[in-house]
Amino acid sequence: MLDEGLAECLNEIAKMENLSQARVAQIMDLMKLPAEAKEFLIGLQNRAEILRYAY
């Protein structure tokens, strides 16, 4: 959204997507993870595995 010029800051994204500023910051932090970590998290299959890394 920032790259496409749809929003100028994270606060605008939060408002547009009806999310808290903190949640948008968490999502942006996930983007900073190494590729291997992202692939691992994306590959989680069942609810128990996902919840294990959710908090």
N, C-alpha and C. Protein backbone atom coordinates (compact mmCIF):
# COMPACT_ATOMS: atom_id res chain seq x y z
N MET A 1 0.82 -1.18 0.00
CA MET A 1 0.00 0.00 0.00
C MET A 1 0.87 1.25 0.00
N LEU A 2 1.94 1.18 0.75
CA LEU A 2 2.86 2.33 0.76
C LEU A 2 3.54 2.45 -0.60
N ASP A 3 4.01 1.32 -1.12
CA ASP A 3 4.72 1.34 -2.40
C ASP A 3 3.82 1.80 -3.55
N GLU A 4 2.55 1.46 -3.48
CA GLU A 4 1.61 1.84 -4.55
C GLU A 4 1.07 3.25 -4.38
N GLY A 5 1.42 3.90 -3.28
CA GLY A 5 0.93 5.25 -3.05
C GLY A 5 -0.50 5.31 -2.53
N LEU A 6 -1.03 4.19 -2.09
CA LEU A 6 -2.39 4.16 -1.56
C LEU A 6 -2.48 4.74 -0.15
N ALA A 7 -1.35 4.74 0.54
CA ALA A 7 -1.28 5.31 1.89
C ALA A 7 0.09 5.95 2.06
N GLU A 8 0.14 6.96 2.90
CA GLU A 8 1.40 7.66 3.12
C GLU A 8 2.13 7.18 4.37
N CYS A 9 1.40 6.51 5.26
CA CYS A 9 2.02 6.05 6.50
C CYS A 9 1.27 4.83 7.04
N LEU A 10 1.85 4.19 8.04
CA LEU A 10 1.24 3.00 8.62
C LEU A 10 -0.08 3.33 9.31
N ASN A 11 -0.18 4.52 9.87
CA ASN A 11 -1.43 4.93 10.50
C ASN A 11 -2.57 4.94 9.48
N GLU A 12 -2.31 5.41 8.28
CA GLU A 12 -3.33 5.42 7.23
C GLU A 12 -3.73 4.00 6.84
N ILE A 13 -2.76 3.10 6.77
CA ILE A 13 -3.06 1.71 6.46
C ILE A 13 -3.96 1.12 7.54
N ALA A 14 -3.64 1.39 8.80
CA ALA A 14 -4.45 0.89 9.91
C ALA A 14 -5.89 1.35 9.77
N LYS A 15 -6.08 2.61 9.47
CA LYS A 15 -7.44 3.14 9.32
C LYS A 15 -8.14 2.52 8.12
N MET A 16 -7.45 2.41 7.00
CA MET A 16 -8.05 1.86 5.79
C MET A 16 -8.47 0.40 5.97
N GLU A 17 -7.68 -0.36 6.71
CA GLU A 17 -7.92 -1.79 6.88
C GLU A 17 -8.64 -2.13 8.18
N ASN A 18 -9.04 -1.08 8.92
CA ASN A 18 -9.73 -1.26 10.19
C ASN A 18 -8.92 -2.13 11.15
N LEU A 19 -7.64 -1.81 11.27
CA LEU A 19 -6.73 -2.49 12.18
C LEU A 19 -6.14 -1.47 13.15
N SER A 20 -5.63 -1.97 14.25
CA SER A 20 -4.94 -1.07 15.17
C SER A 20 -3.56 -0.75 14.60
N GLN A 21 -3.01 0.36 15.05
CA GLN A 21 -1.66 0.72 14.63
C GLN A 21 -0.67 -0.34 15.08
N ALA A 22 -0.91 -0.90 16.27
CA ALA A 22 -0.02 -1.94 16.79
C ALA A 22 -0.04 -3.18 15.90
N ARG A 23 -1.22 -3.57 15.41
CA ARG A 23 -1.32 -4.75 14.55
C ARG A 23 -0.59 -4.53 13.24
N VAL A 24 -0.73 -3.34 12.67
CA VAL A 24 -0.02 -3.03 11.42
C VAL A 24 1.49 -3.08 11.67
N ALA A 25 1.94 -2.59 12.81
CA ALA A 25 3.37 -2.64 13.14
C ALA A 25 3.84 -4.09 13.27
N GLN A 26 3.01 -4.95 13.88
CA GLN A 26 3.36 -6.37 13.99
C GLN A 26 3.50 -7.01 12.62
N ILE A 27 2.58 -6.71 11.74
CA ILE A 27 2.62 -7.27 10.39
C ILE A 27 3.87 -6.79 9.66
N MET A 28 4.19 -5.52 9.81
CA MET A 28 5.38 -4.98 9.15
C MET A 28 6.65 -5.64 9.70
N ASP A 29 6.66 -5.93 11.01
CA ASP A 29 7.81 -6.62 11.60
C ASP A 29 7.97 -8.01 11.02
N LEU A 30 6.86 -8.70 10.73
CA LEU A 30 6.94 -10.03 10.13
C LEU A 30 7.64 -9.97 8.77
N MET A 31 7.47 -8.87 8.07
CA MET A 31 8.10 -8.73 6.76
C MET A 31 9.62 -8.65 6.85
N LYS A 32 10.13 -8.33 8.04
CA LYS A 32 11.58 -8.22 8.25
C LYS A 32 12.24 -9.57 8.54
N LEU A 33 11.43 -10.60 8.75
CA LEU A 33 11.98 -11.93 9.05
C LEU A 33 12.77 -12.46 7.86
N PRO A 34 13.78 -13.28 8.14
CA PRO A 34 14.49 -13.92 7.03
C PRO A 34 13.54 -14.79 6.21
N ALA A 35 13.87 -14.99 4.95
CA ALA A 35 13.02 -15.76 4.04
C ALA A 35 12.72 -17.15 4.59
N GLU A 36 13.72 -17.80 5.20
CA GLU A 36 13.52 -19.14 5.72
C GLU A 36 12.45 -19.16 6.81
N ALA A 37 12.44 -18.15 7.67
CA ALA A 37 11.45 -18.08 8.74
C ALA A 37 10.06 -17.84 8.16
N LYS A 38 9.96 -16.97 7.17
CA LYS A 38 8.67 -16.73 6.53
C LYS A 38 8.14 -18.00 5.88
N GLU A 39 9.00 -18.73 5.19
CA GLU A 39 8.59 -19.97 4.53
C GLU A 39 8.11 -20.99 5.55
N PHE A 40 8.82 -21.07 6.68
CA PHE A 40 8.43 -21.99 7.74
C PHE A 40 7.04 -21.65 8.25
N LEU A 41 6.81 -20.38 8.56
CA LEU A 41 5.51 -19.97 9.09
C LEU A 41 4.39 -20.18 8.08
N ILE A 42 4.65 -19.89 6.82
CA ILE A 42 3.64 -20.09 5.78
C ILE A 42 3.31 -21.58 5.64
N GLY A 43 4.29 -22.42 5.88
CA GLY A 43 4.10 -23.86 5.71
C GLY A 43 3.37 -24.55 6.85
N LEU A 44 3.10 -23.85 7.93
CA LEU A 44 2.39 -24.48 9.04
C LEU A 44 1.01 -24.92 8.57
N GLN A 45 0.64 -26.14 8.91
CA GLN A 45 -0.57 -26.74 8.36
C GLN A 45 -1.76 -26.78 9.31
N ASN A 46 -1.54 -27.15 10.54
CA ASN A 46 -2.72 -27.33 11.41
C ASN A 46 -2.77 -26.27 12.50
N ARG A 47 -3.93 -26.15 13.07
CA ARG A 47 -4.20 -25.09 14.05
C ARG A 47 -3.23 -25.15 15.23
N ALA A 48 -2.93 -26.33 15.72
CA ALA A 48 -2.03 -26.47 16.88
C ALA A 48 -0.64 -25.91 16.55
N GLU A 49 -0.15 -26.21 15.35
CA GLU A 49 1.16 -25.68 14.94
C GLU A 49 1.12 -24.16 14.85
N ILE A 50 0.08 -23.64 14.27
CA ILE A 50 -0.05 -22.19 14.09
C ILE A 50 -0.11 -21.49 15.45
N LEU A 51 -0.94 -22.00 16.34
CA LEU A 51 -1.10 -21.38 17.66
C LEU A 51 0.18 -21.43 18.47
N ARG A 52 1.00 -22.43 18.23
CA ARG A 52 2.27 -22.57 18.93
C ARG A 52 3.17 -21.35 18.70
N TYR A 53 3.05 -20.73 17.53
CA TYR A 53 3.89 -19.59 17.19
C TYR A 53 3.12 -18.27 17.18
N ALA A 54 1.88 -18.30 17.61
CA ALA A 54 1.03 -17.10 17.52
C ALA A 54 1.27 -16.10 18.63
N TYR A 55 1.79 -16.50 19.74
CA TYR A 55 1.92 -15.58 20.88
C TYR A 55 3.31 -15.48 21.38
